[in-house]
Amino acid sequence: DCCGGGGGGFGGSPAGGQQQSTRGSKERQTLLPVTVKQLASAVPSDDNEADFFIDGQPLHQLRIVGVVTSMQEQSTHVVYMVHDGSGEVRVRQWLEKDGDMFGADKRPEPRENSFVRVSGSIREYEGQRHILAFDVTPITDFNEVTHHTLDVMYTHARALAPKPAASVAPSGGGFGALPPPPPTPAHD
């Protein structure tokens, strides 16, 4: 975010207020990697900003990776049960008018006992949490499963890490910020 307005330490620019107002829309577009266990322990929101929170972060859109344990095809939607090693969650994906999934003609359909990547949002109905999916894609490279697991761990650790104290350097580094000192060579 080097040139996105308000950074660089050059004082109050009119873009600063605009940046604050667009932060909410950017958070709503963020796809948070999570596990089923995190979804089960997500904290419901008291306001209308987000439906749930995980690690203090609003959960608008999410991504899970797991194995399809069962599928039920209806005339208007498909319901998948997806297990990711930490738990199982119901995933509902709505179909278009002609009975095809959005973009189904462009890629293979998920099958039982195969790994999938699910992108969507969390919903709660009659006390049961489920995912309303806008994308359910089969995984063809197992490295994606490993990458998702590492991404979940990194996101979780970063959210819980203590925030750095404010420094006297200009925000965003700017032109006045000093680079870190070079490492000192080791002497034998």
Protein backbone atom coordinates (compact mmCIF):
# COMPACT_ATOMS: atom_id res chain seq x y z
CA ASP A 1 0.00 0.00 0.00
CA CYS A 2 2.82 2.40 -0.87
CA CYS A 3 0.87 4.84 -2.98
CA GLY A 4 -2.71 4.23 -1.81
CA GLY A 5 -3.28 7.58 -0.17
CA GLY A 6 -2.54 8.72 3.34
CA GLY A 7 0.78 6.85 3.70
CA GLY A 8 4.33 8.04 3.38
CA GLY A 9 4.30 10.38 6.38
CA PHE A 10 3.43 13.55 4.51
CA GLY A 11 0.60 14.62 6.78
CA GLY A 12 -3.12 14.83 6.33
CA SER A 13 -4.27 14.15 2.82
CA PRO A 14 -7.91 14.09 1.86
CA ALA A 15 -7.47 10.46 0.83
CA GLY A 16 -7.07 9.47 4.49
CA GLY A 17 -10.82 9.60 5.13
CA GLN A 18 -11.53 7.77 1.91
CA GLN A 19 -9.04 5.08 2.90
CA GLN A 20 -10.87 4.58 6.19
CA SER A 21 -14.26 4.26 4.46
CA THR A 22 -12.96 1.70 1.95
CA ARG A 23 -11.36 -0.43 4.67
CA GLY A 24 -14.74 -1.95 5.54
CA SER A 25 -15.41 -2.95 1.93
CA LYS A 26 -11.91 -4.44 1.62
CA GLU A 27 -12.48 -6.51 4.78
CA ARG A 28 -15.73 -7.81 3.29
CA GLN A 29 -13.80 -8.95 0.21
CA THR A 30 -11.07 -10.71 2.21
CA LEU A 31 -11.13 -14.50 1.89
CA LEU A 32 -10.06 -15.90 5.28
CA PRO A 33 -8.55 -19.42 5.31
CA VAL A 34 -10.13 -21.40 8.16
CA THR A 35 -10.76 -24.89 9.50
CA VAL A 36 -14.12 -26.43 10.36
CA LYS A 37 -13.15 -26.33 14.04
CA GLN A 38 -12.58 -22.58 13.79
CA LEU A 39 -16.01 -22.18 12.20
CA ALA A 40 -17.60 -24.14 15.04
CA SER A 41 -15.92 -21.88 17.63
CA ALA A 42 -16.49 -18.60 15.75
CA VAL A 43 -18.03 -15.90 17.94
CA PRO A 44 -21.36 -14.44 16.77
CA SER A 45 -21.34 -10.69 16.19
CA ASP A 46 -23.41 -8.22 18.21
CA ASP A 47 -23.59 -5.72 15.35
CA ASN A 48 -24.24 -5.76 11.61
CA GLU A 49 -20.57 -5.38 10.60
CA ALA A 50 -20.01 -9.14 10.43
CA ASP A 51 -21.97 -12.27 11.25
CA PHE A 52 -19.09 -13.98 13.08
CA PHE A 53 -15.55 -13.32 14.33
CA ILE A 54 -12.53 -15.65 14.36
CA ASP A 55 -9.45 -14.56 16.32
CA GLY A 56 -10.98 -11.08 16.61
CA GLN A 57 -11.24 -10.74 12.82
CA PRO A 58 -14.60 -10.30 11.10
CA LEU A 59 -15.49 -13.35 9.04
CA HIS A 60 -17.23 -12.29 5.83
CA GLN A 61 -15.85 -14.74 3.27
CA LEU A 62 -13.95 -17.92 4.01
CA ARG A 63 -12.06 -20.76 2.40
CA ILE A 64 -11.83 -24.34 3.65
CA VAL A 65 -10.19 -27.40 2.12
CA GLY A 66 -11.44 -30.89 2.87
CA VAL A 67 -12.81 -34.20 1.62
CA VAL A 68 -16.39 -34.51 0.35
CA THR A 69 -17.88 -37.28 2.50
CA SER A 70 -21.36 -37.10 0.96
CA MET A 71 -23.33 -35.21 -1.67
CA GLN A 72 -27.06 -34.62 -2.10
CA GLU A 73 -28.17 -33.12 -5.39
CA GLN A 74 -31.51 -31.29 -5.37
CA SER A 75 -33.24 -29.46 -8.19
CA THR A 76 -32.12 -26.04 -6.85
CA HIS A 77 -28.91 -26.78 -4.95
CA VAL A 78 -26.25 -29.31 -3.99
CA VAL A 79 -25.43 -30.08 -0.35
CA TYR A 80 -21.94 -31.40 0.40
CA MET A 81 -20.64 -32.69 3.71
CA VAL A 82 -16.96 -31.68 3.86
CA HIS A 83 -14.48 -33.02 6.43
CA ASP A 84 -11.12 -31.28 6.88
CA GLY A 85 -9.56 -33.30 9.70
CA SER A 86 -10.81 -30.92 12.41
CA GLY A 87 -14.53 -31.52 11.85
CA GLU A 88 -17.30 -31.75 9.31
CA VAL A 89 -19.48 -28.99 7.89
CA ARG A 90 -22.50 -28.82 5.60
CA VAL A 91 -21.85 -26.83 2.40
CA ARG A 92 -24.76 -25.61 0.28
CA GLN A 93 -24.20 -24.43 -3.29
CA TRP A 94 -27.14 -23.02 -5.24
CA LEU A 95 -27.67 -23.98 -8.88
CA GLU A 96 -28.58 -21.74 -11.78
CA LYS A 97 -32.02 -21.87 -13.41
CA ASP A 98 -31.06 -24.63 -15.84
CA GLY A 99 -29.79 -26.85 -13.01
CA ASP A 100 -26.07 -26.30 -13.61
CA MET A 101 -23.67 -24.95 -11.04
CA PHE A 102 -22.25 -21.53 -11.74
CA GLY A 103 -19.56 -22.16 -14.33
CA ALA A 104 -19.95 -25.95 -14.08
CA ASP A 105 -19.39 -26.36 -17.80
CA LYS A 106 -15.89 -24.89 -17.39
CA ARG A 107 -14.45 -27.28 -14.78
CA PRO A 108 -14.94 -30.76 -13.31
CA GLU A 109 -17.57 -31.33 -10.65
CA PRO A 110 -16.66 -32.37 -7.10
CA ARG A 111 -17.11 -36.06 -6.28
CA GLU A 112 -17.46 -38.00 -3.05
CA ASN A 113 -14.17 -38.97 -1.37
CA SER A 114 -12.25 -36.27 -3.23
CA PHE A 115 -10.57 -33.13 -1.91
CA VAL A 116 -12.26 -29.80 -2.64
CA ARG A 117 -11.63 -26.11 -2.02
CA VAL A 118 -14.77 -24.34 -0.77
CA SER A 119 -15.16 -20.56 -0.87
CA GLY A 120 -18.22 -18.94 0.65
CA SER A 121 -19.67 -17.45 3.81
CA ILE A 122 -20.82 -18.89 7.11
CA ARG A 123 -24.54 -19.00 7.90
CA GLU A 124 -26.50 -20.23 10.88
CA TYR A 125 -29.96 -21.75 10.54
CA GLU A 126 -31.88 -23.33 13.43
CA GLY A 127 -28.71 -23.42 15.52
CA GLN A 128 -26.68 -25.25 12.86
CA ARG A 129 -23.79 -23.55 11.08
CA HIS A 130 -23.18 -24.22 7.41
CA ILE A 131 -21.33 -22.67 4.50
CA LEU A 132 -23.17 -20.95 1.69
CA ALA A 133 -20.69 -21.63 -1.11
CA PHE A 134 -20.11 -19.55 -4.19
CA ASP A 135 -17.35 -21.92 -5.35
CA VAL A 136 -16.65 -25.62 -4.76
CA THR A 137 -13.63 -26.73 -6.79
CA PRO A 138 -11.99 -30.17 -6.88
CA ILE A 139 -8.32 -30.20 -5.87
CA THR A 140 -5.99 -31.94 -8.28
CA ASP A 141 -2.67 -31.14 -6.57
CA PHE A 142 -2.28 -32.25 -2.94
CA ASN A 143 0.17 -29.37 -2.40
CA GLU A 144 -2.91 -27.14 -2.25
CA VAL A 145 -4.09 -29.01 0.86
CA THR A 146 -0.71 -28.46 2.52
CA HIS A 147 -0.66 -24.81 1.45
CA HIS A 148 -4.13 -24.24 2.90
CA THR A 149 -3.09 -25.77 6.24
CA LEU A 150 -0.02 -23.54 6.39
CA ASP A 151 -2.11 -20.52 5.37
CA VAL A 152 -4.58 -21.22 8.21
CA MET A 153 -1.73 -21.48 10.74
CA TYR A 154 -0.06 -18.29 9.49
CA THR A 155 -3.32 -16.30 9.50
CA HIS A 156 -4.17 -17.55 13.01
CA ALA A 157 -0.69 -16.75 14.39
CA ARG A 158 -0.66 -13.31 12.77
CA ALA A 159 -4.09 -12.45 14.16
CA LEU A 160 -3.05 -13.41 17.70
CA ALA A 161 0.43 -11.84 17.58
CA PRO A 162 0.92 -8.73 19.70
CA LYS A 163 0.67 -5.57 17.68
CA PRO A 164 3.91 -3.54 17.45
CA ALA A 165 4.05 -0.35 19.48
CA ALA A 166 3.74 2.92 17.60
CA SER A 167 7.09 4.29 16.51
CA VAL A 168 8.27 7.83 15.87
CA ALA A 169 9.06 7.01 12.23
CA PRO A 170 6.59 8.32 9.68
CA SER A 171 3.71 5.95 8.94
CA GLY A 172 4.28 3.59 6.06
CA GLY A 173 8.05 3.99 6.22
CA GLY A 174 8.11 7.09 4.02
CA PHE A 175 11.28 8.79 2.85
CA GLY A 176 12.40 9.68 6.38
CA ALA A 177 12.50 6.14 7.74
CA LEU A 178 15.90 4.61 8.30
CA PRO A 179 16.64 1.10 7.07
CA PRO A 180 17.53 -1.50 9.72
CA PRO A 181 21.23 -1.70 10.56
CA PRO A 182 23.24 -4.31 8.68
CA PRO A 183 24.04 -7.52 10.56
CA THR A 184 27.35 -7.54 12.38
CA PRO A 185 29.88 -10.08 11.06
CA ALA A 186 30.81 -12.92 13.37
CA HIS A 187 34.45 -13.05 14.50
CA ASP A 188 36.27 -16.33 15.06
